[in-house]
Each structure stands twice: as structure tokens, then as C-alpha cells.
Amino acid sequence: MLTLALAALFGAQPVAAPVPFDAITPERAAELDGQPVVVTFTVGTPPYTWERAGKVVTVCGPLDVDEAERVVVLKGDRLKDVDRGKRMRASGVLRVIRHPAAVVAGIEVAEWVEVRVEE
């Protein structure tokens, strides 16, 4: 009770429990779209760095468990911190992106849903 009173007094928001990103469903992700979240996951995909808008980011994520792709975009070159099999915690804004079907290098790629957290 004292914690809630102090939080109200100082305008702090209670911290939500971390979202288990490994298994979040696209439906649950859609409910959180655009909101700040804390996620936990085990790195399953090979991490890599990418330059975006003149800044380097590190991209990683859990193994896919369904039709949705789950991606975490971390600020900076964090390859030394992101090993496959490592349990991670990250915070950022959750986005649900519905990619249309496309042809990439002459290969048809079906539409897919990406659930992304960006630091």
C-alpha cells in the first residue's frame, strides 16, 4: 500500500511484468502495439548489426514458434552481449508489422507478420 501511495505521490507508474517474447501471439502483440514494454526471450536467431538512419543497431530474436517473426532491435553494436542461447531482457516500443507479399531476388515471399521491439 505504501508503494502505491508513493508512486501516486511522485507520479510514477507501476512497472508491468515482462512480456515473454518467445511465445507472444500476434493477437496479444496487436493489443500492445505502440506501447512501451519489457520483454524476455532466449536468443535463437543469429544476431547481426545493421546501419539504419546513420546509426548502428543490433538485431536478434527468439526462434519462431508460429507464423509470426519476432525481432528485437537494440541500440548500438551489441554483438558481444547477444549470444545464441542467452536469456535476454530488453525494453522498448512493441510494433506489429504486416509485411505484404513480395518478390525478392526473383523469389516470391508470402505475406508475414513481424512482432518487433525497438529500444
C-alpha atoms as a PDB file:
ATOM      1  CA  MET A   1       0.000   0.000   0.000  1.00  0.00           C
ATOM      2  CA  LEU A   2       2.825   2.385   0.875  1.00  0.00           C
ATOM      3  CA  THR A   3       4.442   1.686  -2.521  1.00  0.00           C
ATOM      4  CA  LEU A   4       1.246   2.606  -4.381  1.00  0.00           C
ATOM      5  CA  ALA A   5       0.850   5.764  -2.307  1.00  0.00           C
ATOM      6  CA  LEU A   6       4.438   6.819  -3.036  1.00  0.00           C
ATOM      7  CA  ALA A   7       4.000   6.022  -6.725  1.00  0.00           C
ATOM      8  CA  ALA A   8       0.860   8.172  -6.855  1.00  0.00           C
ATOM      9  CA  LEU A   9       2.574  10.963  -4.937  1.00  0.00           C
ATOM     10  CA  PHE A  10       5.554  11.091  -7.285  1.00  0.00           C
ATOM     11  CA  GLY A  11       3.639  10.329 -10.472  1.00  0.00           C
ATOM     12  CA  ALA A  12       5.438   7.037 -11.089  1.00  0.00           C
ATOM     13  CA  GLN A  13       3.710   4.260 -12.948  1.00  0.00           C
ATOM     14  CA  PRO A  14       3.857   0.708 -11.603  1.00  0.00           C
ATOM     15  CA  VAL A  15       6.202  -1.446 -13.660  1.00  0.00           C
ATOM     16  CA  ALA A  16       4.396  -4.099 -15.690  1.00  0.00           C
ATOM     17  CA  ALA A  17       5.620  -7.666 -15.643  1.00  0.00           C
ATOM     18  CA  PRO A  18       7.954  -8.571 -18.522  1.00  0.00           C
ATOM     19  CA  VAL A  19       6.291  -9.974 -21.632  1.00  0.00           C
ATOM     20  CA  PRO A  20       7.542 -13.476 -22.588  1.00  0.00           C
ATOM     21  CA  PHE A  21       8.546 -12.517 -26.135  1.00  0.00           C
ATOM     22  CA  ASP A  22       9.441 -16.102 -27.127  1.00  0.00           C
ATOM     23  CA  ALA A  23       5.778 -17.061 -27.213  1.00  0.00           C
ATOM     24  CA  ILE A  24       3.767 -13.855 -27.559  1.00  0.00           C
ATOM     25  CA  THR A  25       0.933 -14.425 -30.009  1.00  0.00           C
ATOM     26  CA  PRO A  26       0.285 -11.993 -32.836  1.00  0.00           C
ATOM     27  CA  GLU A  27      -3.121 -11.310 -31.262  1.00  0.00           C
ATOM     28  CA  ARG A  28      -1.595 -10.383 -27.885  1.00  0.00           C
ATOM     29  CA  ALA A  29       1.095  -8.343 -29.638  1.00  0.00           C
ATOM     30  CA  ALA A  30      -1.617  -6.397 -31.509  1.00  0.00           C
ATOM     31  CA  GLU A  31      -3.088  -5.397 -28.117  1.00  0.00           C
ATOM     32  CA  LEU A  32       0.319  -3.961 -27.123  1.00  0.00           C
ATOM     33  CA  ASP A  33       1.133  -2.357 -30.492  1.00  0.00           C
ATOM     34  CA  GLY A  34       2.767   1.042 -29.996  1.00  0.00           C
ATOM     35  CA  GLN A  35       3.236   0.626 -26.255  1.00  0.00           C
ATOM     36  CA  PRO A  36       6.475   0.523 -24.271  1.00  0.00           C
ATOM     37  CA  VAL A  37       7.184  -2.991 -22.994  1.00  0.00           C
ATOM     38  CA  VAL A  38       9.837  -5.040 -21.264  1.00  0.00           C
ATOM     39  CA  VAL A  39      10.387  -8.408 -22.932  1.00  0.00           C
ATOM     40  CA  THR A  40      12.316 -11.516 -22.003  1.00  0.00           C
ATOM     41  CA  PHE A  41      13.452 -14.100 -24.532  1.00  0.00           C
ATOM     42  CA  THR A  42      16.144 -16.613 -25.368  1.00  0.00           C
ATOM     43  CA  VAL A  43      18.204 -15.567 -28.379  1.00  0.00           C
ATOM     44  CA  GLY A  44      17.578 -18.177 -31.059  1.00  0.00           C
ATOM     45  CA  THR A  45      18.300 -16.412 -34.337  1.00  0.00           C
ATOM     46  CA  PRO A  46      21.808 -15.388 -35.375  1.00  0.00           C
ATOM     47  CA  PRO A  47      22.307 -11.777 -34.222  1.00  0.00           C
ATOM     48  CA  TYR A  48      23.687  -9.196 -36.636  1.00  0.00           C
ATOM     49  CA  THR A  49      24.346  -5.466 -36.841  1.00  0.00           C
ATOM     50  CA  TRP A  50      22.650  -3.136 -39.278  1.00  0.00           C
ATOM     51  CA  GLU A  51      23.056   0.536 -40.090  1.00  0.00           C
ATOM     52  CA  ARG A  52      19.755   2.349 -40.000  1.00  0.00           C
ATOM     53  CA  ALA A  53      19.328   6.095 -40.423  1.00  0.00           C
ATOM     54  CA  GLY A  54      23.062   6.558 -39.870  1.00  0.00           C
ATOM     55  CA  LYS A  55      23.083   4.601 -36.614  1.00  0.00           C
ATOM     56  CA  VAL A  56      24.159   1.046 -35.904  1.00  0.00           C
ATOM     57  CA  VAL A  57      21.659  -1.346 -34.324  1.00  0.00           C
ATOM     58  CA  THR A  58      21.906  -4.986 -33.305  1.00  0.00           C
ATOM     59  CA  VAL A  59      19.100  -7.249 -34.463  1.00  0.00           C
ATOM     60  CA  CYS A  60      18.266 -10.521 -32.706  1.00  0.00           C
ATOM     61  CA  GLY A  61      15.269 -12.530 -31.602  1.00  0.00           C
ATOM     62  CA  PRO A  62      13.907 -15.825 -30.385  1.00  0.00           C
ATOM     63  CA  LEU A  63      13.291 -18.804 -32.628  1.00  0.00           C
ATOM     64  CA  ASP A  64       9.992 -18.603 -34.481  1.00  0.00           C
ATOM     65  CA  VAL A  65       7.303 -20.774 -32.912  1.00  0.00           C
ATOM     66  CA  ASP A  66       4.493 -19.956 -35.340  1.00  0.00           C
ATOM     67  CA  GLU A  67       3.824 -17.924 -38.482  1.00  0.00           C
ATOM     68  CA  ALA A  68       4.987 -14.650 -36.859  1.00  0.00           C
ATOM     69  CA  GLU A  69       8.566 -13.416 -36.869  1.00  0.00           C
ATOM     70  CA  ARG A  70       9.805 -11.914 -33.579  1.00  0.00           C
ATOM     71  CA  VAL A  71      12.618  -9.358 -33.705  1.00  0.00           C
ATOM     72  CA  VAL A  72      14.363  -7.213 -31.105  1.00  0.00           C
ATOM     73  CA  VAL A  73      16.304  -4.154 -32.306  1.00  0.00           C
ATOM     74  CA  LEU A  74      18.920  -2.976 -29.789  1.00  0.00           C
ATOM     75  CA  LYS A  75      20.742   0.362 -29.984  1.00  0.00           C
ATOM     76  CA  GLY A  76      24.419   0.169 -30.957  1.00  0.00           C
ATOM     77  CA  ASP A  77      26.769  -2.676 -31.787  1.00  0.00           C
ATOM     78  CA  ARG A  78      25.858  -5.194 -29.082  1.00  0.00           C
ATOM     79  CA  LEU A  79      27.078  -8.401 -30.740  1.00  0.00           C
ATOM     80  CA  LYS A  80      29.359  -9.156 -27.780  1.00  0.00           C
ATOM     81  CA  ASP A  81      26.302  -9.104 -25.477  1.00  0.00           C
ATOM     82  CA  VAL A  82      23.944 -11.181 -27.642  1.00  0.00           C
ATOM     83  CA  ASP A  83      24.823 -14.864 -27.936  1.00  0.00           C
ATOM     84  CA  ARG A  84      22.513 -17.574 -29.219  1.00  0.00           C
ATOM     85  CA  GLY A  85      21.032 -19.437 -26.261  1.00  0.00           C
ATOM     86  CA  LYS A  86      21.446 -16.461 -23.905  1.00  0.00           C
ATOM     87  CA  ARG A  87      18.424 -15.316 -21.913  1.00  0.00           C
ATOM     88  CA  MET A  88      17.851 -11.597 -22.590  1.00  0.00           C
ATOM     89  CA  ARG A  89      15.734  -8.784 -21.224  1.00  0.00           C
ATOM     90  CA  ALA A  90      15.072  -5.704 -23.342  1.00  0.00           C
ATOM     91  CA  SER A  91      12.784  -2.712 -23.192  1.00  0.00           C
ATOM     92  CA  GLY A  92      11.346  -0.654 -25.987  1.00  0.00           C
ATOM     93  CA  VAL A  93       8.264   0.014 -28.067  1.00  0.00           C
ATOM     94  CA  LEU A  94       6.419  -3.015 -29.421  1.00  0.00           C
ATOM     95  CA  ARG A  95       5.259  -2.859 -33.042  1.00  0.00           C
ATOM     96  CA  VAL A  96       3.224  -5.271 -35.143  1.00  0.00           C
ATOM     97  CA  ILE A  97       4.169  -5.004 -38.815  1.00  0.00           C
ATOM     98  CA  ARG A  98       2.189  -6.768 -41.513  1.00  0.00           C
ATOM     99  CA  HIS A  99       4.512  -7.232 -44.473  1.00  0.00           C
ATOM    100  CA  PRO A 100       2.832  -7.685 -47.875  1.00  0.00           C
ATOM    101  CA  ALA A 101       3.823 -10.469 -50.247  1.00  0.00           C
ATOM    102  CA  ALA A 102       6.817  -9.510 -52.376  1.00  0.00           C
ATOM    103  CA  VAL A 103       9.331 -10.796 -54.877  1.00  0.00           C
ATOM    104  CA  VAL A 104      12.890 -10.702 -53.522  1.00  0.00           C
ATOM    105  CA  ALA A 105      15.740 -11.593 -55.899  1.00  0.00           C
ATOM    106  CA  GLY A 106      13.239 -13.368 -58.130  1.00  0.00           C
ATOM    107  CA  ILE A 107      11.763 -15.429 -55.290  1.00  0.00           C
ATOM    108  CA  GLU A 108       8.179 -14.971 -54.131  1.00  0.00           C
ATOM    109  CA  VAL A 109       7.863 -14.321 -50.418  1.00  0.00           C
ATOM    110  CA  ALA A 110       4.397 -14.703 -48.883  1.00  0.00           C
ATOM    111  CA  GLU A 111       2.983 -12.016 -46.613  1.00  0.00           C
ATOM    112  CA  TRP A 112       4.030 -12.324 -42.983  1.00  0.00           C
ATOM    113  CA  VAL A 113       3.575 -10.735 -39.558  1.00  0.00           C
ATOM    114  CA  GLU A 114       6.549  -9.323 -37.689  1.00  0.00           C
ATOM    115  CA  VAL A 115       6.411  -8.516 -33.981  1.00  0.00           C
ATOM    116  CA  ARG A 116       9.221  -6.085 -33.244  1.00  0.00           C
ATOM    117  CA  VAL A 117      10.553  -4.417 -30.104  1.00  0.00           C
ATOM    118  CA  GLU A 118      12.779  -1.387 -30.696  1.00  0.00           C
ATOM    119  CA  GLU A 119      14.930   0.085 -27.936  1.00  0.00           C
END
